[in-house]
């Protein structure tokens, strides 16, 4: 998803991304935090990066072909 404006990098909203929505977060310079217009999530860069890192397990095996299933 393209950034809305030049400047700081916009991140995906972790709350929306959990629901398979690719929503860009915006940066508020006065509060030094990121916020989402869709779900009202807000947090500093560290919190956003931690939550996005936790979500990587969801798509961790996306590029692997699974041919055997062990019960």
PDB file of N, CA and C in Angstrom:
ATOM      1  N   UNK A   1       0.848  -1.171   0.000  1.00  0.00           N
ATOM      2  CA  UNK A   1       0.000   0.000   0.000  1.00  0.00           C
ATOM      3  C   UNK A   1       0.894   1.235   0.000  1.00  0.00           C
ATOM      4  N   UNK A   2       0.581   2.224  -0.789  1.00  0.00           N
ATOM      5  CA  UNK A   2       1.396   3.419  -0.909  1.00  0.00           C
ATOM      6  C   UNK A   2       1.213   4.315   0.306  1.00  0.00           C
ATOM      7  N   UNK A   3       2.253   5.082   0.585  1.00  0.00           N
ATOM      8  CA  UNK A   3       2.169   6.025   1.685  1.00  0.00           C
ATOM      9  C   UNK A   3       1.269   7.187   1.314  1.00  0.00           C
ATOM     10  N   UNK A   4       0.594   7.764   2.314  1.00  0.00           N
ATOM     11  CA  UNK A   4      -0.294   8.886   2.069  1.00  0.00           C
ATOM     12  C   UNK A   4       0.481  10.165   1.811  1.00  0.00           C
ATOM     13  N   UNK A   5       1.648  10.318   2.440  1.00  0.00           N
ATOM     14  CA  UNK A   5       2.446  11.520   2.242  1.00  0.00           C
ATOM     15  C   UNK A   5       3.914  11.199   2.449  1.00  0.00           C
ATOM     16  N   UNK A   6       4.773  12.105   2.031  1.00  0.00           N
ATOM     17  CA  UNK A   6       6.208  11.929   2.214  1.00  0.00           C
ATOM     18  C   UNK A   6       6.542  12.138   3.685  1.00  0.00           C
ATOM     19  N   UNK A   7       7.676  11.632   4.103  1.00  0.00           N
ATOM     20  CA  UNK A   7       8.088  11.812   5.491  1.00  0.00           C
ATOM     21  C   UNK A   7       8.312  10.475   6.141  1.00  0.00           C
ATOM     22  N   UNK A   8       7.895  10.344   7.401  1.00  0.00           N
ATOM     23  CA  UNK A   8       8.087   9.106   8.149  1.00  0.00           C
ATOM     24  C   UNK A   8       7.350   7.958   7.469  1.00  0.00           C
ATOM     25  N   UNK A   9       7.910   6.764   7.610  1.00  0.00           N
ATOM     26  CA  UNK A   9       7.318   5.577   7.020  1.00  0.00           C
ATOM     27  C   UNK A   9       6.010   5.237   7.715  1.00  0.00           C
ATOM     28  N   UNK A  10       4.991   5.000   6.944  1.00  0.00           N
ATOM     29  CA  UNK A  10       3.716   4.579   7.520  1.00  0.00           C
ATOM     30  C   UNK A  10       3.699   3.063   7.621  1.00  0.00           C
ATOM     31  N   UNK A  11       3.184   2.574   8.729  1.00  0.00           N
ATOM     32  CA  UNK A  11       3.105   1.139   8.971  1.00  0.00           C
ATOM     33  C   UNK A  11       1.683   0.648   8.792  1.00  0.00           C
ATOM     34  N   UNK A  12       1.527  -0.685   8.638  1.00  0.00           N
ATOM     35  CA  UNK A  12       0.194  -1.281   8.628  1.00  0.00           C
ATOM     36  C   UNK A  12      -0.357  -1.284  10.046  1.00  0.00           C
ATOM     37  N   UNK A  13      -1.644  -1.086  10.160  1.00  0.00           N
ATOM     38  CA  UNK A  13      -2.295  -1.142  11.468  1.00  0.00           C
ATOM     39  C   UNK A  13      -2.361  -2.605  11.902  1.00  0.00           C
ATOM     40  N   UNK A  14      -1.781  -2.963  13.065  1.00  0.00           N
ATOM     41  CA  UNK A  14      -1.788  -4.360  13.489  1.00  0.00           C
ATOM     42  C   UNK A  14      -3.188  -4.881  13.808  1.00  0.00           C
ATOM     43  N   UNK A  15      -4.059  -4.032  14.345  1.00  0.00           N
ATOM     44  CA  UNK A  15      -5.420  -4.467  14.674  1.00  0.00           C
ATOM     45  C   UNK A  15      -6.205  -4.786  13.407  1.00  0.00           C
ATOM     46  N   UNK A  16      -6.083  -3.963  12.387  1.00  0.00           N
ATOM     47  CA  UNK A  16      -6.777  -4.217  11.119  1.00  0.00           C
ATOM     48  C   UNK A  16      -6.135  -5.384  10.375  1.00  0.00           C
ATOM     49  N   UNK A  17      -4.806  -5.495  10.466  1.00  0.00           N
ATOM     50  CA  UNK A  17      -4.096  -6.554   9.759  1.00  0.00           C
ATOM     51  C   UNK A  17      -4.463  -7.929  10.306  1.00  0.00           C
ATOM     52  N   UNK A  18      -4.843  -8.007  11.588  1.00  0.00           N
ATOM     53  CA  UNK A  18      -5.316  -9.273  12.161  1.00  0.00           C
ATOM     54  C   UNK A  18      -6.599  -9.731  11.488  1.00  0.00           C
ATOM     55  N   UNK A  19      -7.364  -8.783  10.971  1.00  0.00           N
ATOM     56  CA  UNK A  19      -8.619  -9.095  10.289  1.00  0.00           C
ATOM     57  C   UNK A  19      -8.452  -9.071   8.771  1.00  0.00           C
ATOM     58  N   UNK A  20      -7.199  -9.219   8.314  1.00  0.00           N
ATOM     59  CA  UNK A  20      -6.865  -9.270   6.883  1.00  0.00           C
ATOM     60  C   UNK A  20      -7.224  -7.991   6.138  1.00  0.00           C
ATOM     61  N   UNK A  21      -7.108  -6.853   6.801  1.00  0.00           N
ATOM     62  CA  UNK A  21      -7.298  -5.555   6.163  1.00  0.00           C
ATOM     63  C   UNK A  21      -5.947  -4.854   6.099  1.00  0.00           C
ATOM     64  N   UNK A  22      -5.590  -4.364   4.943  1.00  0.00           N
ATOM     65  CA  UNK A  22      -4.308  -3.689   4.755  1.00  0.00           C
ATOM     66  C   UNK A  22      -4.538  -2.184   4.862  1.00  0.00           C
ATOM     67  N   UNK A  23      -4.512  -1.671   6.089  1.00  0.00           N
ATOM     68  CA  UNK A  23      -4.800  -0.263   6.333  1.00  0.00           C
ATOM     69  C   UNK A  23      -3.515   0.437   6.764  1.00  0.00           C
ATOM     70  N   UNK A  24      -3.228   1.550   6.138  1.00  0.00           N
ATOM     71  CA  UNK A  24      -2.049   2.347   6.441  1.00  0.00           C
ATOM     72  C   UNK A  24      -2.300   3.193   7.681  1.00  0.00           C
ATOM     73  N   UNK A  25      -1.304   3.274   8.560  1.00  0.00           N
ATOM     74  CA  UNK A  25      -1.413   4.125   9.745  1.00  0.00           C
ATOM     75  C   UNK A  25      -0.813   5.488   9.422  1.00  0.00           C
ATOM     76  N   UNK A  26      -1.253   6.498  10.138  1.00  0.00           N
ATOM     77  CA  UNK A  26      -0.733   7.849   9.970  1.00  0.00           C
ATOM     78  C   UNK A  26       0.062   8.232  11.201  1.00  0.00           C
ATOM     79  N   UNK A  27       0.963   9.191  11.040  1.00  0.00           N
ATOM     80  CA  UNK A  27       1.848   9.602  12.126  1.00  0.00           C
ATOM     81  C   UNK A  27       1.449  10.979  12.621  1.00  0.00           C
ATOM     82  N   UNK A  28       1.291  11.116  13.948  1.00  0.00           N
ATOM     83  CA  UNK A  28       0.979  12.393  14.585  1.00  0.00           C
ATOM     84  C   UNK A  28       2.262  12.912  15.232  1.00  0.00           C
ATOM     85  N   UNK A  29       2.814  13.983  14.681  1.00  0.00           N
ATOM     86  CA  UNK A  29       4.079  14.516  15.180  1.00  0.00           C
ATOM     87  C   UNK A  29       3.945  15.107  16.574  1.00  0.00           C
ATOM     88  N   UNK A  30       2.801  15.701  16.893  1.00  0.00           N
ATOM     89  CA  UNK A  30       2.613  16.320  18.208  1.00  0.00           C
ATOM     90  C   UNK A  30       2.640  15.290  19.327  1.00  0.00           C
ATOM     91  N   UNK A  31       1.994  14.154  19.119  1.00  0.00           N
ATOM     92  CA  UNK A  31       1.932  13.101  20.136  1.00  0.00           C
ATOM     93  C   UNK A  31       3.031  12.064  19.968  1.00  0.00           C
ATOM     94  N   UNK A  32       3.769  12.120  18.858  1.00  0.00           N
ATOM     95  CA  UNK A  32       4.819  11.155  18.532  1.00  0.00           C
ATOM     96  C   UNK A  32       4.276   9.728  18.564  1.00  0.00           C
ATOM     97  N   UNK A  33       3.150   9.516  17.856  1.00  0.00           N
ATOM     98  CA  UNK A  33       2.560   8.186  17.788  1.00  0.00           C
ATOM     99  C   UNK A  33       1.860   7.985  16.455  1.00  0.00           C
ATOM    100  N   UNK A  34       1.615   6.722  16.151  1.00  0.00           N
ATOM    101  CA  UNK A  34       0.893   6.337  14.939  1.00  0.00           C
ATOM    102  C   UNK A  34      -0.556   6.057  15.299  1.00  0.00           C
ATOM    103  N   UNK A  35      -1.464   6.286  14.348  1.00  0.00           N
ATOM    104  CA  UNK A  35      -2.878   6.035  14.587  1.00  0.00           C
ATOM    105  C   UNK A  35      -3.552   5.532  13.315  1.00  0.00           C
ATOM    106  N   UNK A  36      -4.652   4.791  13.519  1.00  0.00           N
ATOM    107  CA  UNK A  36      -5.422   4.235  12.412  1.00  0.00           C
ATOM    108  C   UNK A  36      -6.766   4.948  12.337  1.00  0.00           C
ATOM    109  N   UNK A  37      -7.163   5.339  11.153  1.00  0.00           N
ATOM    110  CA  UNK A  37      -8.449   6.014  10.988  1.00  0.00           C
ATOM    111  C   UNK A  37      -9.626   5.047  11.025  1.00  0.00           C
ATOM    112  N   UNK A  38      -9.374   3.789  10.732  1.00  0.00           N
ATOM    113  CA  UNK A  38     -10.471   2.829  10.636  1.00  0.00           C
ATOM    114  C   UNK A  38     -10.877   2.245  11.992  1.00  0.00           C
ATOM    115  N   UNK A  39      -9.896   1.897  12.828  1.00  0.00           N
ATOM    116  CA  UNK A  39     -10.239   1.168  14.056  1.00  0.00           C
ATOM    117  C   UNK A  39      -9.833   1.906  15.337  1.00  0.00           C
ATOM    118  N   UNK A  40      -9.314   3.095  15.248  1.00  0.00           N
ATOM    119  CA  UNK A  40      -8.907   3.907  16.389  1.00  0.00           C
ATOM    120  C   UNK A  40      -7.731   3.327  17.170  1.00  0.00           C
ATOM    121  N   UNK A  41      -6.947   2.435  16.573  1.00  0.00           N
ATOM    122  CA  UNK A  41      -5.727   1.945  17.212  1.00  0.00           C
ATOM    123  C   UNK A  41      -4.692   3.060  17.193  1.00  0.00           C
ATOM    124  N   UNK A  42      -3.938   3.200  18.274  1.00  0.00           N
ATOM    125  CA  UNK A  42      -2.848   4.167  18.301  1.00  0.00           C
ATOM    126  C   UNK A  42      -1.738   3.641  19.196  1.00  0.00           C
ATOM    127  N   UNK A  43      -0.518   4.041  18.891  1.00  0.00           N
ATOM    128  CA  UNK A  43       0.618   3.624  19.683  1.00  0.00           C
ATOM    129  C   UNK A  43       1.910   4.150  19.097  1.00  0.00           C
ATOM    130  N   UNK A  44       2.967   4.074  19.902  1.00  0.00           N
ATOM    131  CA  UNK A  44       4.263   4.537  19.420  1.00  0.00           C
ATOM    132  C   UNK A  44       4.860   3.511  18.463  1.00  0.00           C
ATOM    133  N   UNK A  45       5.969   3.885  17.850  1.00  0.00           N
ATOM    134  CA  UNK A  45       6.583   3.035  16.820  1.00  0.00           C
ATOM    135  C   UNK A  45       6.979   1.675  17.385  1.00  0.00           C
ATOM    136  N   UNK A  46       7.470   1.644  18.610  1.00  0.00           N
ATOM    137  CA  UNK A  46       7.888   0.385  19.228  1.00  0.00           C
ATOM    138  C   UNK A  46       6.710  -0.577  19.372  1.00  0.00           C
ATOM    139  N   UNK A  47       5.571  -0.074  19.819  1.00  0.00           N
ATOM    140  CA  UNK A  47       4.378  -0.916  19.997  1.00  0.00           C
ATOM    141  C   UNK A  47       3.882  -1.456  18.660  1.00  0.00           C
ATOM    142  N   UNK A  48       3.856  -0.608  17.646  1.00  0.00           N
ATOM    143  CA  UNK A  48       3.396  -1.015  16.315  1.00  0.00           C
ATOM    144  C   UNK A  48       4.309  -2.096  15.747  1.00  0.00           C
ATOM    145  N   UNK A  49       5.626  -1.921  15.885  1.00  0.00           N
ATOM    146  CA  UNK A  49       6.564  -2.905  15.361  1.00  0.00           C
ATOM    147  C   UNK A  49       6.453  -4.231  16.109  1.00  0.00           C
ATOM    148  N   UNK A  50       6.254  -4.196  17.428  1.00  0.00           N
ATOM    149  CA  UNK A  50       6.102  -5.425  18.210  1.00  0.00           C
ATOM    150  C   UNK A  50       4.862  -6.203  17.776  1.00  0.00           C
ATOM    151  N   UNK A  51       3.748  -5.514  17.612  1.00  0.00           N
ATOM    152  CA  UNK A  51       2.507  -6.195  17.225  1.00  0.00           C
ATOM    153  C   UNK A  51       2.579  -6.718  15.797  1.00  0.00           C
ATOM    154  N   UNK A  52       3.210  -5.979  14.906  1.00  0.00           N
ATOM    155  CA  UNK A  52       3.361  -6.466  13.529  1.00  0.00           C
ATOM    156  C   UNK A  52       4.291  -7.671  13.478  1.00  0.00           C
ATOM    157  N   UNK A  53       5.289  -7.721  14.344  1.00  0.00           N
ATOM    158  CA  UNK A  53       6.183  -8.870  14.396  1.00  0.00           C
ATOM    159  C   UNK A  53       5.435 -10.105  14.897  1.00  0.00           C
ATOM    160  N   UNK A  54       4.520  -9.930  15.838  1.00  0.00           N
ATOM    161  CA  UNK A  54       3.717 -11.047  16.336  1.00  0.00           C
ATOM    162  C   UNK A  54       2.813 -11.621  15.252  1.00  0.00           C
ATOM    163  N   UNK A  55       2.414 -10.792  14.316  1.00  0.00           N
ATOM    164  CA  UNK A  55       1.516 -11.247  13.252  1.00  0.00           C
ATOM    165  C   UNK A  55       2.222 -12.025  12.155  1.00  0.00           C
ATOM    166  N   UNK A  56       3.540 -12.006  12.135  1.00  0.00           N
ATOM    167  CA  UNK A  56       4.278 -12.706  11.075  1.00  0.00           C
ATOM    168  C   UNK A  56       4.034 -14.210  11.089  1.00  0.00           C
ATOM    169  N   UNK A  57       3.661 -14.783  12.234  1.00  0.00           N
ATOM    170  CA  UNK A  57       3.393 -16.225  12.294  1.00  0.00           C
ATOM    171  C   UNK A  57       2.238 -16.596  11.377  1.00  0.00           C
ATOM    172  N   UNK A  58       1.307 -15.677  11.160  1.00  0.00           N
ATOM    173  CA  UNK A  58       0.131 -15.962  10.341  1.00  0.00           C
ATOM    174  C   UNK A  58       0.513 -16.258   8.889  1.00  0.00           C
ATOM    175  N   UNK A  59       1.495 -15.544   8.394  1.00  0.00           N
ATOM    176  CA  UNK A  59       1.908 -15.705   7.005  1.00  0.00           C
ATOM    177  C   UNK A  59       3.286 -16.340   6.892  1.00  0.00           C
ATOM    178  N   UNK A  60       3.769 -16.961   7.957  1.00  0.00           N
ATOM    179  CA  UNK A  60       5.108 -17.533   7.976  1.00  0.00           C
ATOM    180  C   UNK A  60       5.327 -18.631   6.959  1.00  0.00           C
ATOM    181  N   UNK A  61       4.345 -19.463   6.695  1.00  0.00           N
ATOM    182  CA  UNK A  61       4.489 -20.592   5.765  1.00  0.00           C
ATOM    183  C   UNK A  61       3.792 -20.340   4.437  1.00  0.00           C
ATOM    184  N   UNK A  62       3.546 -19.110   4.118  1.00  0.00           N
ATOM    185  CA  UNK A  62       2.772 -18.796   2.923  1.00  0.00           C
ATOM    186  C   UNK A  62       3.483 -19.242   1.640  1.00  0.00           C
ATOM    187  N   UNK A  63       4.803 -19.184   1.613  1.00  0.00           N
ATOM    188  CA  UNK A  63       5.532 -19.512   0.377  1.00  0.00           C
ATOM    189  C   UNK A  63       6.009 -20.951   0.337  1.00  0.00           C
ATOM    190  N   UNK A  64       5.660 -21.748   1.338  1.00  0.00           N
ATOM    191  CA  UNK A  64       6.049 -23.152   1.366  1.00  0.00           C
ATOM    192  C   UNK A  64       4.889 -24.025   0.901  1.00  0.00           C
ATOM    193  N   UNK A  65       5.207 -25.028   0.122  1.00  0.00           N
ATOM    194  CA  UNK A  65       4.184 -25.981  -0.316  1.00  0.00           C
ATOM    195  C   UNK A  65       4.129 -27.123   0.694  1.00  0.00           C
ATOM    196  N   UNK A  66       2.996 -27.306   1.295  1.00  0.00           N
ATOM    197  CA  UNK A  66       2.804 -28.350   2.297  1.00  0.00           C
ATOM    198  C   UNK A  66       2.160 -29.552   1.619  1.00  0.00           C
ATOM    199  N   UNK A  67       2.875 -30.682   1.619  1.00  0.00           N
ATOM    200  CA  UNK A  67       2.379 -31.860   0.937  1.00  0.00           C
ATOM    201  C   UNK A  67       2.073 -33.010   1.879  1.00  0.00           C
ATOM    202  N   UNK A  68       2.621 -32.965   3.088  1.00  0.00           N
ATOM    203  CA  UNK A  68       2.368 -34.035   4.061  1.00  0.00           C
ATOM    204  C   UNK A  68       1.815 -33.445   5.338  1.00  0.00           C
ATOM    205  N   UNK A  69       0.808 -34.108   5.854  1.00  0.00           N
ATOM    206  CA  UNK A  69       0.188 -33.667   7.101  1.00  0.00           C
ATOM    207  C   UNK A  69       0.345 -34.766   8.128  1.00  0.00           C
ATOM    208  N   UNK A  70       0.982 -34.446   9.226  1.00  0.00           N
ATOM    209  CA  UNK A  70       1.149 -35.399  10.324  1.00  0.00           C
ATOM    210  C   UNK A  70       0.100 -35.131  11.379  1.00  0.00           C
ATOM    211  N   UNK A  71      -0.553 -36.188  11.831  1.00  0.00           N
ATOM    212  CA  UNK A  71      -1.568 -36.025  12.868  1.00  0.00           C
ATOM    213  C   UNK A  71      -1.003 -36.200  14.234  1.00  0.00           C
TER     214      UNK A  71
END
